[in-house]
N, C-alpha and C. Protein backbone atom coordinates (compact mmCIF):
# COMPACT_ATOMS: atom_id res chain seq x y z
N UNK A 1 0.57 -0.96 -0.02
CA UNK A 1 0.01 0.48 0.33
C UNK A 1 0.46 1.47 0.34
N UNK A 2 0.37 2.34 -0.81
CA UNK A 2 0.79 3.79 -0.50
C UNK A 2 1.49 4.24 0.50
N UNK A 3 2.36 4.64 1.21
CA UNK A 3 2.33 5.47 2.58
C UNK A 3 0.62 6.23 2.46
N UNK A 4 0.20 6.75 3.85
CA UNK A 4 -0.78 7.54 3.95
C UNK A 4 -0.26 8.83 4.70
N UNK A 5 -0.38 10.17 4.62
CA UNK A 5 0.07 11.15 5.21
C UNK A 5 -0.60 10.99 7.01
N UNK A 6 -0.58 11.60 7.44
CA UNK A 6 -1.35 12.44 8.49
C UNK A 6 -1.81 13.45 8.88
N UNK A 7 -1.04 14.58 7.44
CA UNK A 7 -1.26 15.45 7.77
C UNK A 7 -2.52 15.50 6.27
N UNK A 8 -3.02 16.52 6.90
CA UNK A 8 -4.26 16.61 5.56
C UNK A 8 -3.77 17.90 4.24
N UNK A 9 -4.51 17.55 3.84
CA UNK A 9 -3.57 17.48 1.96
C UNK A 9 -3.51 19.66 2.21
N UNK A 10 -4.66 20.11 2.90
CA UNK A 10 -4.15 21.35 2.47
C UNK A 10 -3.76 22.41 3.98
N UNK A 11 -3.21 21.19 5.01
CA UNK A 11 -1.53 21.84 5.27
C UNK A 11 -1.27 21.69 5.41
N UNK A 12 -0.82 21.13 3.90
CA UNK A 12 0.58 20.21 3.09
C UNK A 12 0.28 21.32 2.27
N UNK A 13 -0.10 21.90 1.34
CA UNK A 13 -0.37 22.86 0.09
C UNK A 13 -0.28 24.23 1.12
N UNK A 14 -0.63 24.23 2.33
CA UNK A 14 -0.50 26.04 2.60
C UNK A 14 1.40 26.05 2.91
N UNK A 15 1.82 24.99 4.06
CA UNK A 15 2.86 25.53 4.10
C UNK A 15 4.05 25.23 3.01
N UNK A 16 3.73 24.48 1.90
CA UNK A 16 4.59 24.62 0.62
C UNK A 16 4.58 25.68 0.48
N UNK A 17 3.52 26.65 0.72
CA UNK A 17 3.11 28.47 -0.46
C UNK A 17 4.23 28.95 1.03
N UNK A 18 4.09 28.53 1.85
CA UNK A 18 4.59 29.90 2.57
C UNK A 18 5.57 29.51 2.61
N UNK A 19 6.45 27.68 2.64
CA UNK A 19 8.02 28.11 2.25
C UNK A 19 8.21 28.86 1.11
N UNK A 20 7.43 28.91 0.32
CA UNK A 20 7.90 29.67 -1.19
C UNK A 20 8.02 30.03 -0.99
N UNK A 21 7.38 31.29 -0.51
CA UNK A 21 7.28 32.97 0.02
C UNK A 21 8.87 33.15 0.53
N UNK A 22 8.91 32.45 1.69
CA UNK A 22 10.03 32.80 2.48
C UNK A 22 11.51 32.46 2.04
N UNK A 23 11.45 31.52 1.18
CA UNK A 23 12.51 31.53 0.53
C UNK A 23 12.35 30.35 -0.97
N UNK A 24 12.22 30.24 -1.89
CA UNK A 24 12.25 28.53 -2.85
C UNK A 24 13.17 28.30 -3.00
N UNK A 25 14.14 28.43 -2.12
CA UNK A 25 14.86 27.07 -2.33
C UNK A 25 15.29 26.82 -1.03
N UNK A 26 14.81 27.24 0.65
CA UNK A 26 14.61 26.22 1.58
C UNK A 26 15.43 27.07 1.97
N UNK A 27 16.58 27.38 1.85
CA UNK A 27 17.77 28.41 2.31
C UNK A 27 18.11 29.53 2.83
N UNK A 28 17.01 30.52 2.67
CA UNK A 28 16.75 32.32 2.96
C UNK A 28 17.69 32.68 3.13
N UNK A 29 19.47 32.77 2.27
CA UNK A 29 20.51 32.52 2.08
C UNK A 29 20.21 34.29 2.58
N UNK A 30 19.69 35.37 1.84
CA UNK A 30 19.52 36.76 2.45
C UNK A 30 18.22 36.97 2.85
N UNK A 31 17.74 36.03 3.47
CA UNK A 31 16.41 36.85 4.66
C UNK A 31 16.81 36.35 6.26
N UNK A 32 15.48 36.08 6.26
CA UNK A 32 15.86 36.70 8.31
C UNK A 32 16.80 35.80 8.63
N UNK A 33 17.08 35.88 10.00
CA UNK A 33 17.80 35.28 11.25
C UNK A 33 17.36 33.95 11.36
N UNK A 34 16.33 33.43 11.07
CA UNK A 34 15.82 32.50 11.85
C UNK A 34 15.51 31.33 10.74
N UNK A 35 15.15 30.30 11.00
CA UNK A 35 14.91 29.45 10.16
C UNK A 35 13.99 29.05 9.16
N UNK A 36 13.62 29.11 8.42
CA UNK A 36 12.92 29.18 6.95
C UNK A 36 11.96 28.26 8.00
N UNK A 37 11.72 26.69 8.69
CA UNK A 37 10.88 26.09 9.22
C UNK A 37 10.38 26.68 10.89
N UNK A 38 11.13 27.08 11.42
CA UNK A 38 10.47 28.09 11.93
C UNK A 38 9.07 29.50 11.22
N UNK A 39 9.62 29.75 10.38
CA UNK A 39 9.17 30.66 9.70
C UNK A 39 7.72 30.32 9.20
N UNK A 40 7.72 29.25 8.49
CA UNK A 40 6.66 28.58 7.90
C UNK A 40 5.29 28.31 9.30
N UNK A 41 6.22 28.00 9.84
CA UNK A 41 5.02 27.44 11.60
C UNK A 41 4.36 28.39 11.69
N UNK A 42 4.65 29.67 11.48
CA UNK A 42 3.96 30.52 12.37
C UNK A 42 3.21 31.01 11.67
N UNK A 43 3.45 31.13 9.94
CA UNK A 43 2.33 32.03 8.91
C UNK A 43 1.97 30.59 8.05
N UNK A 44 2.12 29.66 7.79
CA UNK A 44 1.64 28.54 7.24
C UNK A 44 0.28 28.71 6.96
N UNK A 45 -0.90 28.80 8.34
CA UNK A 45 -1.76 29.54 7.98
C UNK A 45 -2.73 30.37 7.67
N UNK A 46 -2.47 31.36 7.43
CA UNK A 46 -2.37 32.42 6.60
C UNK A 46 -2.17 31.76 4.46
N UNK A 47 -1.96 30.61 4.71
CA UNK A 47 -2.26 30.29 3.20
C UNK A 47 -2.95 29.06 2.81
N UNK A 48 -4.19 29.12 3.96
CA UNK A 48 -5.11 27.80 4.13
C UNK A 48 -6.46 28.65 2.20
N UNK A 49 -6.56 28.94 2.42
CA UNK A 49 -7.71 29.98 1.26
C UNK A 49 -7.00 29.44 0.22
N UNK A 50 -5.30 29.03 0.33
CA UNK A 50 -4.73 29.18 -1.08
C UNK A 50 -4.44 27.81 -1.54
N UNK A 51 -4.46 27.10 -0.77
CA UNK A 51 -4.41 25.48 -0.41
C UNK A 51 -5.98 25.33 -0.76
N UNK A 52 -7.04 25.82 -0.12
CA UNK A 52 -7.91 25.09 -0.73
C UNK A 52 -8.94 25.79 -2.25
N UNK A 53 -8.01 26.76 -3.04
CA UNK A 53 -8.32 26.72 -3.85
C UNK A 53 -7.51 26.00 -4.56
N UNK A 54 -6.44 25.70 -4.46
CA UNK A 54 -5.90 24.08 -5.00
C UNK A 54 -6.63 23.09 -5.39
N UNK A 55 -6.86 22.86 -4.30
CA UNK A 55 -7.62 21.69 -4.31
C UNK A 55 -8.97 21.75 -4.92
N UNK A 56 -9.78 22.94 -4.80
CA UNK A 56 -11.08 23.23 -5.72
C UNK A 56 -10.45 22.65 -6.96
N UNK A 57 -9.22 23.36 -7.94
CA UNK A 57 -8.76 22.57 -9.08
C UNK A 57 -8.62 20.99 -9.40
N UNK A 58 -8.65 20.67 -8.27
CA UNK A 58 -8.07 19.07 -8.44
C UNK A 58 -9.37 18.10 -8.69
N UNK A 59 -10.38 18.72 -8.25
CA UNK A 59 -11.80 18.13 -7.92
C UNK A 59 -11.49 17.24 -10.13
N UNK A 60 -11.52 17.67 -10.92
CA UNK A 60 -11.85 17.46 -12.32
C UNK A 60 -10.75 16.76 -12.84
N UNK A 61 -10.40 15.34 -12.49
CA UNK A 61 -8.88 14.98 -13.41
C UNK A 61 -9.11 15.48 -14.88
N UNK A 62 -7.93 15.39 -15.38
CA UNK A 62 -7.54 15.25 -16.78
C UNK A 62 -7.58 13.43 -17.26
N UNK A 63 -7.84 13.45 -18.66
CA UNK A 63 -7.65 11.88 -18.94
C UNK A 63 -6.91 10.97 -18.44
N UNK A 64 -5.51 11.76 -18.78
CA UNK A 64 -4.57 11.20 -18.24
C UNK A 64 -4.15 11.10 -16.88
N UNK A 65 -5.02 11.62 -16.01
CA UNK A 65 -4.98 11.76 -14.17
C UNK A 65 -5.85 10.23 -14.08
N UNK A 66 -6.75 9.82 -15.01
CA UNK A 66 -8.10 9.00 -14.78
C UNK A 66 -7.93 7.91 -16.00
N UNK A 67 -7.08 7.75 -16.08
CA UNK A 67 -6.48 6.53 -16.75
C UNK A 67 -5.06 6.31 -15.96
N UNK A 68 -4.49 6.65 -15.16
CA UNK A 68 -3.41 6.47 -14.30
C UNK A 68 -4.19 5.99 -13.39
N UNK A 69 -5.26 6.21 -12.62
CA UNK A 69 -5.99 6.09 -11.07
C UNK A 69 -6.38 4.39 -11.65
N UNK A 70 -7.42 4.66 -13.10
CA UNK A 70 -7.56 3.35 -13.67
C UNK A 70 -6.54 2.16 -13.59
N UNK A 71 -5.51 2.30 -13.71
CA UNK A 71 -4.44 1.53 -13.93
C UNK A 71 -3.71 1.02 -12.63
N UNK A 72 -4.06 1.59 -11.43
CA UNK A 72 -3.37 2.05 -10.72
C UNK A 72 -4.37 0.59 -9.33
N UNK A 73 -4.38 -0.43 -10.14
CA UNK A 73 -5.63 -0.60 -8.94
C UNK A 73 -6.68 -0.33 -7.85
N UNK A 74 -7.05 -1.05 -7.09
CA UNK A 74 -8.27 -0.36 -6.04
C UNK A 74 -7.58 -0.26 -4.86
N UNK A 75 -6.44 0.06 -4.59
CA UNK A 75 -5.81 1.27 -3.10
C UNK A 75 -6.28 1.86 -4.01
N UNK A 76 -7.20 2.66 -3.03
CA UNK A 76 -7.44 4.45 -2.94
C UNK A 76 -6.02 5.13 -2.90
N UNK A 77 -5.31 4.71 -2.02
CA UNK A 77 -3.66 5.69 -2.19
C UNK A 77 -2.83 5.54 -2.74
N UNK A 78 -3.25 3.88 -3.81
CA UNK A 78 -2.65 4.29 -5.38
C UNK A 78 -2.79 4.87 -6.01
N UNK A 79 -4.68 4.69 -5.79
CA UNK A 79 -4.92 5.59 -6.98
C UNK A 79 -4.56 7.52 -6.92
N UNK A 80 -4.82 8.11 -5.92
CA UNK A 80 -4.79 9.05 -5.66
C UNK A 80 -2.93 9.47 -5.46
N UNK A 81 -1.73 8.66 -5.88
CA UNK A 81 -0.66 8.49 -5.50
C UNK A 81 -0.49 8.61 -7.48
N UNK A 82 -0.83 7.82 -8.10
CA UNK A 82 -0.73 7.38 -9.74
C UNK A 82 -1.09 8.46 -10.47
N UNK A 83 -3.04 9.54 -9.60
CA UNK A 83 -3.47 10.10 -10.34
C UNK A 83 -2.13 10.97 -10.08
N UNK A 84 -1.92 11.87 -8.90
CA UNK A 84 -1.27 13.41 -8.89
C UNK A 84 -0.24 13.07 -9.78
N UNK A 85 0.66 11.94 -9.74
CA UNK A 85 1.79 12.13 -10.70
C UNK A 85 1.22 11.85 -11.77
N UNK A 86 0.40 11.76 -12.54
CA UNK A 86 0.39 11.43 -13.68
C UNK A 86 -0.09 13.34 -14.02
N UNK A 87 -0.48 13.97 -13.16
CA UNK A 87 -0.84 15.80 -13.58
C UNK A 87 0.02 16.27 -13.92
N UNK A 88 1.16 15.40 -12.56
CA UNK A 88 2.46 16.31 -12.13
C UNK A 88 3.41 15.99 -13.80
N UNK A 89 3.07 14.78 -13.84
CA UNK A 89 4.04 14.88 -15.89
C UNK A 89 3.72 15.16 -16.56
N UNK A 90 2.68 15.53 -16.43
CA UNK A 90 0.95 16.09 -17.94
C UNK A 90 2.29 17.92 -18.18
N UNK A 91 2.20 17.37 -16.21
CA UNK A 91 2.21 19.39 -16.06
C UNK A 91 3.87 19.98 -16.58
N UNK A 92 4.83 19.54 -15.78
CA UNK A 92 6.04 19.32 -16.87
C UNK A 92 6.24 19.08 -18.48
N UNK A 93 5.71 17.41 -19.29
CA UNK A 93 5.84 17.48 -20.53
C UNK A 93 4.91 18.99 -21.23
N UNK A 94 4.08 19.78 -20.82
CA UNK A 94 3.44 20.82 -20.87
C UNK A 94 4.35 22.17 -21.26
N UNK A 95 4.29 22.64 -20.01
CA UNK A 95 5.93 23.04 -19.52
C UNK A 95 7.10 23.30 -20.47
N UNK A 96 7.66 21.82 -20.83
CA UNK A 96 8.82 22.18 -21.32
C UNK A 96 8.49 21.92 -23.11
N UNK A 97 7.25 22.73 -23.28
CA UNK A 97 7.17 22.67 -24.68
C UNK A 97 7.30 23.94 -25.15
N UNK A 98 8.43 24.12 -26.76
CA UNK A 98 8.00 26.13 -26.72
C UNK A 98 6.92 26.31 -26.95
N UNK A 99 6.32 27.92 -26.86
CA UNK A 99 5.54 28.41 -27.04
C UNK A 99 4.86 28.71 -28.53
């Protein structure tokens, strides 16, 4: 079975948004005097609305996501994982194409 997170998707997404705002590489070389993780712990809740908006956009899968989900079997965690991976792969391929 695929690993199952104990943290909600909304919290995980909000934390990533907050971390990216503080330091895209997680190091904050020219930024704050305290570790990025401490700052993220303090501010991630302010990004909950953005995280919810992101999850709202994922309610309808793409064709590739649906196919990946079908191929993943009957374990819901494996299906979710396969569908998200398909979305990420599709995004990388589309962004790599010239405009």
